[in-house]
N, C-alpha and C. Protein backbone atom coordinates (compact mmCIF):
# COMPACT_ATOMS: atom_id res chain seq x y z
N UNK A 1 -13.41 -29.25 4.91
CA UNK A 1 -14.52 -28.36 4.60
C UNK A 1 -14.32 -27.00 5.27
N UNK A 2 -13.70 -27.01 6.46
CA UNK A 2 -13.50 -25.76 7.19
C UNK A 2 -12.57 -24.81 6.44
N UNK A 3 -11.54 -25.35 5.80
CA UNK A 3 -10.59 -24.53 5.04
C UNK A 3 -11.30 -23.87 3.86
N UNK A 4 -12.12 -24.63 3.15
CA UNK A 4 -12.85 -24.07 2.01
C UNK A 4 -13.81 -22.97 2.44
N UNK A 5 -14.42 -23.12 3.60
CA UNK A 5 -15.30 -22.07 4.12
C UNK A 5 -14.50 -20.81 4.42
N UNK A 6 -13.31 -20.95 4.97
CA UNK A 6 -12.46 -19.80 5.28
C UNK A 6 -12.04 -19.08 4.01
N UNK A 7 -11.67 -19.85 2.99
CA UNK A 7 -11.26 -19.25 1.72
C UNK A 7 -12.42 -18.46 1.12
N UNK A 8 -13.59 -19.03 1.13
CA UNK A 8 -14.77 -18.35 0.58
C UNK A 8 -15.10 -17.11 1.40
N UNK A 9 -14.98 -17.21 2.70
CA UNK A 9 -15.32 -16.11 3.59
C UNK A 9 -14.41 -14.91 3.38
N UNK A 10 -13.12 -15.14 3.14
CA UNK A 10 -12.15 -14.06 3.04
C UNK A 10 -11.73 -13.74 1.60
N UNK A 11 -12.52 -14.17 0.63
CA UNK A 11 -12.18 -13.93 -0.77
C UNK A 11 -12.10 -12.43 -1.07
N UNK A 12 -13.04 -11.65 -0.56
CA UNK A 12 -13.05 -10.21 -0.79
C UNK A 12 -11.84 -9.52 -0.18
N UNK A 13 -11.49 -9.92 1.03
CA UNK A 13 -10.31 -9.34 1.67
C UNK A 13 -9.03 -9.70 0.92
N UNK A 14 -8.97 -10.93 0.41
CA UNK A 14 -7.80 -11.35 -0.35
C UNK A 14 -7.66 -10.52 -1.61
N UNK A 15 -8.76 -10.28 -2.30
CA UNK A 15 -8.73 -9.44 -3.50
C UNK A 15 -8.26 -8.02 -3.17
N UNK A 16 -8.75 -7.47 -2.08
CA UNK A 16 -8.34 -6.13 -1.67
C UNK A 16 -6.86 -6.10 -1.28
N UNK A 17 -6.37 -7.16 -0.64
CA UNK A 17 -4.95 -7.24 -0.32
C UNK A 17 -4.10 -7.27 -1.58
N UNK A 18 -4.54 -8.00 -2.58
CA UNK A 18 -3.80 -8.07 -3.84
C UNK A 18 -3.82 -6.71 -4.54
N UNK A 19 -4.97 -6.07 -4.59
CA UNK A 19 -5.07 -4.75 -5.21
C UNK A 19 -4.21 -3.74 -4.45
N UNK A 20 -4.27 -3.78 -3.13
CA UNK A 20 -3.45 -2.89 -2.32
C UNK A 20 -1.96 -3.12 -2.56
N UNK A 21 -1.56 -4.37 -2.69
CA UNK A 21 -0.16 -4.70 -2.96
C UNK A 21 0.28 -4.19 -4.33
N UNK A 22 -0.59 -4.34 -5.32
CA UNK A 22 -0.27 -3.84 -6.67
C UNK A 22 -0.13 -2.33 -6.64
N UNK A 23 -1.06 -1.64 -5.99
CA UNK A 23 -0.96 -0.18 -5.89
C UNK A 23 0.31 0.23 -5.14
N UNK A 24 0.69 -0.53 -4.13
CA UNK A 24 1.92 -0.22 -3.38
C UNK A 24 3.14 -0.33 -4.29
N UNK A 25 3.23 -1.40 -5.04
CA UNK A 25 4.36 -1.58 -5.95
C UNK A 25 4.37 -0.50 -7.02
N UNK A 26 3.21 -0.17 -7.57
CA UNK A 26 3.13 0.90 -8.57
C UNK A 26 3.53 2.25 -7.98
N UNK A 27 3.11 2.51 -6.75
CA UNK A 27 3.48 3.76 -6.08
C UNK A 27 4.98 3.82 -5.85
N UNK A 28 5.57 2.72 -5.41
CA UNK A 28 7.02 2.69 -5.19
C UNK A 28 7.77 2.88 -6.50
N UNK A 29 7.31 2.25 -7.56
CA UNK A 29 7.98 2.39 -8.85
C UNK A 29 7.89 3.82 -9.37
N UNK A 30 6.68 4.38 -9.34
CA UNK A 30 6.53 5.75 -9.84
C UNK A 30 7.26 6.75 -8.95
N UNK A 31 7.32 6.49 -7.65
CA UNK A 31 8.10 7.35 -6.76
C UNK A 31 9.59 7.27 -7.09
N UNK A 32 10.07 6.07 -7.35
CA UNK A 32 11.48 5.87 -7.72
C UNK A 32 11.81 6.63 -8.99
N UNK A 33 10.96 6.51 -9.99
CA UNK A 33 11.19 7.21 -11.26
C UNK A 33 11.20 8.73 -11.03
N UNK A 34 10.24 9.21 -10.26
CA UNK A 34 10.18 10.65 -9.98
C UNK A 34 11.39 11.14 -9.22
N UNK A 35 11.83 10.39 -8.22
CA UNK A 35 13.00 10.78 -7.45
C UNK A 35 14.25 10.78 -8.31
N UNK A 36 14.37 9.81 -9.20
CA UNK A 36 15.52 9.76 -10.09
C UNK A 36 15.52 10.92 -11.09
N UNK A 37 14.35 11.46 -11.38
CA UNK A 37 14.24 12.61 -12.30
C UNK A 37 14.36 13.95 -11.56
N UNK A 38 14.55 13.89 -10.26
CA UNK A 38 14.78 15.12 -9.52
C UNK A 38 13.58 15.67 -8.77
N UNK A 39 12.47 14.99 -8.80
CA UNK A 39 11.30 15.43 -8.04
C UNK A 39 11.51 15.14 -6.56
N UNK A 40 10.82 15.87 -5.71
CA UNK A 40 10.95 15.70 -4.27
C UNK A 40 9.85 14.79 -3.73
N UNK A 41 10.17 14.07 -2.67
CA UNK A 41 9.18 13.23 -1.98
C UNK A 41 8.27 14.13 -1.15
N UNK A 42 6.98 13.86 -1.19
CA UNK A 42 6.01 14.68 -0.47
C UNK A 42 5.95 14.43 1.02
N UNK A 43 6.33 13.25 1.45
CA UNK A 43 6.27 12.91 2.87
C UNK A 43 7.56 13.34 3.57
N UNK A 44 7.44 14.18 4.60
CA UNK A 44 8.65 14.60 5.32
C UNK A 44 9.39 13.42 5.97
N UNK A 45 8.65 12.44 6.46
CA UNK A 45 9.27 11.25 7.07
C UNK A 45 10.10 10.50 6.03
N UNK A 46 9.50 10.24 4.88
CA UNK A 46 10.20 9.51 3.83
C UNK A 46 11.32 10.35 3.23
N UNK A 47 11.15 11.67 3.21
CA UNK A 47 12.19 12.56 2.72
C UNK A 47 13.45 12.44 3.57
N UNK A 48 13.27 12.30 4.89
CA UNK A 48 14.41 12.10 5.78
C UNK A 48 15.09 10.76 5.53
N UNK A 49 14.30 9.75 5.25
CA UNK A 49 14.87 8.43 4.95
C UNK A 49 15.70 8.50 3.67
N UNK A 50 15.18 9.19 2.66
CA UNK A 50 15.92 9.34 1.40
C UNK A 50 17.23 10.08 1.64
N UNK A 51 17.18 11.14 2.46
CA UNK A 51 18.38 11.92 2.74
C UNK A 51 19.42 11.09 3.49
N UNK A 52 18.98 10.19 4.35
CA UNK A 52 19.92 9.40 5.17
C UNK A 52 20.40 8.12 4.52
N UNK A 53 19.51 7.39 3.83
CA UNK A 53 19.93 6.08 3.30
C UNK A 53 19.69 5.92 1.79
N UNK A 54 19.23 6.96 1.12
CA UNK A 54 19.09 6.93 -0.33
C UNK A 54 17.78 6.35 -0.82
N UNK A 55 17.67 6.33 -2.13
CA UNK A 55 16.43 5.88 -2.77
C UNK A 55 16.18 4.39 -2.52
N UNK A 56 17.24 3.59 -2.56
CA UNK A 56 17.08 2.16 -2.31
C UNK A 56 16.56 1.88 -0.92
N UNK A 57 17.10 2.58 0.05
CA UNK A 57 16.62 2.44 1.43
C UNK A 57 15.19 2.91 1.58
N UNK A 58 14.85 3.98 0.88
CA UNK A 58 13.48 4.49 0.87
C UNK A 58 12.53 3.42 0.37
N UNK A 59 12.91 2.76 -0.72
CA UNK A 59 12.04 1.72 -1.29
C UNK A 59 11.86 0.55 -0.33
N UNK A 60 12.95 0.13 0.31
CA UNK A 60 12.88 -1.00 1.25
C UNK A 60 12.03 -0.64 2.46
N UNK A 61 12.28 0.52 3.06
CA UNK A 61 11.52 0.94 4.25
C UNK A 61 10.05 1.10 3.90
N UNK A 62 9.77 1.74 2.77
CA UNK A 62 8.38 1.96 2.35
C UNK A 62 7.68 0.62 2.11
N UNK A 63 8.36 -0.31 1.48
CA UNK A 63 7.77 -1.63 1.21
C UNK A 63 7.49 -2.38 2.51
N UNK A 64 8.42 -2.35 3.45
CA UNK A 64 8.23 -3.03 4.73
C UNK A 64 7.07 -2.40 5.51
N UNK A 65 7.05 -1.07 5.59
CA UNK A 65 5.97 -0.39 6.31
C UNK A 65 4.61 -0.65 5.66
N UNK A 66 4.59 -0.66 4.34
CA UNK A 66 3.34 -0.91 3.62
C UNK A 66 2.85 -2.34 3.85
N UNK A 67 3.77 -3.30 3.83
CA UNK A 67 3.39 -4.69 4.08
C UNK A 67 2.85 -4.86 5.50
N UNK A 68 3.51 -4.22 6.46
CA UNK A 68 3.02 -4.27 7.85
C UNK A 68 1.65 -3.63 7.97
N UNK A 69 1.46 -2.50 7.33
CA UNK A 69 0.17 -1.82 7.40
C UNK A 69 -0.93 -2.66 6.76
N UNK A 70 -0.66 -3.22 5.59
CA UNK A 70 -1.66 -4.09 4.94
C UNK A 70 -2.00 -5.29 5.82
N UNK A 71 -0.99 -5.89 6.41
CA UNK A 71 -1.23 -7.03 7.30
C UNK A 71 -2.08 -6.63 8.50
N UNK A 72 -1.73 -5.50 9.10
CA UNK A 72 -2.48 -5.02 10.26
C UNK A 72 -3.92 -4.68 9.88
N UNK A 73 -4.12 -4.04 8.74
CA UNK A 73 -5.48 -3.70 8.30
C UNK A 73 -6.31 -4.96 8.04
N UNK A 74 -5.71 -5.95 7.41
CA UNK A 74 -6.44 -7.19 7.13
C UNK A 74 -6.77 -7.91 8.43
N UNK A 75 -5.80 -8.04 9.32
CA UNK A 75 -6.03 -8.70 10.60
C UNK A 75 -7.07 -7.95 11.42
N UNK A 76 -6.94 -6.63 11.50
CA UNK A 76 -7.91 -5.84 12.26
C UNK A 76 -9.30 -5.91 11.68
N UNK A 77 -9.37 -5.97 10.35
CA UNK A 77 -10.68 -6.07 9.70
C UNK A 77 -11.37 -7.37 10.05
N UNK A 78 -10.61 -8.45 10.07
CA UNK A 78 -11.19 -9.76 10.38
C UNK A 78 -11.57 -9.86 11.86
N UNK A 79 -10.72 -9.34 12.72
CA UNK A 79 -10.94 -9.49 14.16
C UNK A 79 -11.96 -8.51 14.74
N UNK A 80 -12.00 -7.29 14.21
CA UNK A 80 -12.78 -6.24 14.87
C UNK A 80 -14.04 -5.81 14.13
N UNK A 81 -14.12 -6.06 12.84
CA UNK A 81 -15.27 -5.59 12.06
C UNK A 81 -16.08 -6.78 11.54
N UNK A 82 -17.36 -6.56 11.39
CA UNK A 82 -18.23 -7.64 10.94
C UNK A 82 -18.92 -7.27 9.63
N UNK A 83 -19.29 -8.29 8.89
CA UNK A 83 -20.04 -8.09 7.66
C UNK A 83 -19.26 -7.30 6.62
N UNK A 84 -19.97 -6.44 5.92
CA UNK A 84 -19.36 -5.65 4.86
C UNK A 84 -18.39 -4.60 5.40
N UNK A 85 -18.50 -4.27 6.68
CA UNK A 85 -17.63 -3.25 7.27
C UNK A 85 -16.16 -3.69 7.27
N UNK A 86 -15.91 -4.97 7.20
CA UNK A 86 -14.53 -5.45 7.25
C UNK A 86 -13.72 -5.01 6.03
N UNK A 87 -14.40 -4.62 4.95
CA UNK A 87 -13.70 -4.20 3.74
C UNK A 87 -13.25 -2.75 3.79
N UNK A 88 -13.84 -1.95 4.65
CA UNK A 88 -13.62 -0.50 4.63
C UNK A 88 -12.16 -0.10 4.82
N UNK A 89 -11.43 -0.62 5.81
CA UNK A 89 -10.03 -0.19 5.96
C UNK A 89 -9.16 -0.48 4.73
N UNK A 90 -9.34 -1.64 4.12
CA UNK A 90 -8.54 -1.96 2.94
C UNK A 90 -8.99 -1.17 1.72
N UNK A 91 -10.26 -0.86 1.62
CA UNK A 91 -10.74 -0.01 0.52
C UNK A 91 -10.12 1.38 0.65
N UNK A 92 -10.09 1.91 1.85
CA UNK A 92 -9.49 3.23 2.08
C UNK A 92 -8.00 3.20 1.71
N UNK A 93 -7.31 2.15 2.12
CA UNK A 93 -5.88 2.01 1.77
C UNK A 93 -5.71 2.00 0.25
N UNK A 94 -6.54 1.23 -0.45
CA UNK A 94 -6.43 1.14 -1.91
C UNK A 94 -6.70 2.49 -2.56
N UNK A 95 -7.67 3.23 -2.05
CA UNK A 95 -7.98 4.55 -2.60
C UNK A 95 -6.79 5.50 -2.41
N UNK A 96 -6.21 5.50 -1.22
CA UNK A 96 -5.07 6.38 -0.95
C UNK A 96 -3.88 6.02 -1.82
N UNK A 97 -3.56 4.74 -1.89
CA UNK A 97 -2.42 4.32 -2.72
C UNK A 97 -2.70 4.55 -4.20
N UNK A 98 -3.93 4.29 -4.63
CA UNK A 98 -4.29 4.54 -6.02
C UNK A 98 -4.18 6.01 -6.38
N UNK A 99 -4.59 6.88 -5.47
CA UNK A 99 -4.47 8.33 -5.69
C UNK A 99 -3.00 8.74 -5.78
N UNK A 100 -2.15 8.12 -4.96
CA UNK A 100 -0.72 8.41 -5.00
C UNK A 100 -0.12 8.00 -6.35
N UNK A 101 -0.55 6.85 -6.86
CA UNK A 101 -0.05 6.40 -8.16
C UNK A 101 -0.48 7.36 -9.25
N UNK A 102 -1.75 7.73 -9.26
CA UNK A 102 -2.25 8.67 -10.28
C UNK A 102 -1.49 10.00 -10.19
N UNK A 103 -1.30 10.49 -8.98
CA UNK A 103 -0.57 11.74 -8.78
C UNK A 103 0.86 11.63 -9.32
N UNK A 104 1.55 10.55 -8.98
CA UNK A 104 2.92 10.36 -9.47
C UNK A 104 2.97 10.29 -10.99
N UNK A 105 2.05 9.55 -11.57
CA UNK A 105 2.04 9.41 -13.04
C UNK A 105 1.80 10.76 -13.69
N UNK A 106 0.87 11.55 -13.16
CA UNK A 106 0.59 12.87 -13.74
C UNK A 106 1.79 13.80 -13.62
N UNK A 107 2.52 13.71 -12.53
CA UNK A 107 3.69 14.57 -12.35
C UNK A 107 4.84 14.12 -13.24
N UNK A 108 5.06 12.82 -13.32
CA UNK A 108 6.22 12.30 -14.05
C UNK A 108 6.03 12.39 -15.57
N UNK A 109 4.88 11.98 -16.03
CA UNK A 109 4.66 11.91 -17.46
C UNK A 109 3.81 13.04 -17.87
């Protein structure tokens, strides 16, 4: 019974994690397409990674950092925030990543 209560309790966070992961993959894909077409990366940190290890390395580093950030946001939300406030960090992440996807799509296509 305790496991079912946990699943029900964190259903909203799980949905936000899935949405955040989808936006991350879409952002990486649209960034890859843009970089292959000659567009520049907006982040100076990621631009240095592209210059040093290429687009493939950029994708791997970005995916690892994004997964760590999502994990940290979910863990921090559960441990430090109560009630509806626990959704705020992941909602902000989803908004930022969603905006990046929209921006990339508008630039590329």
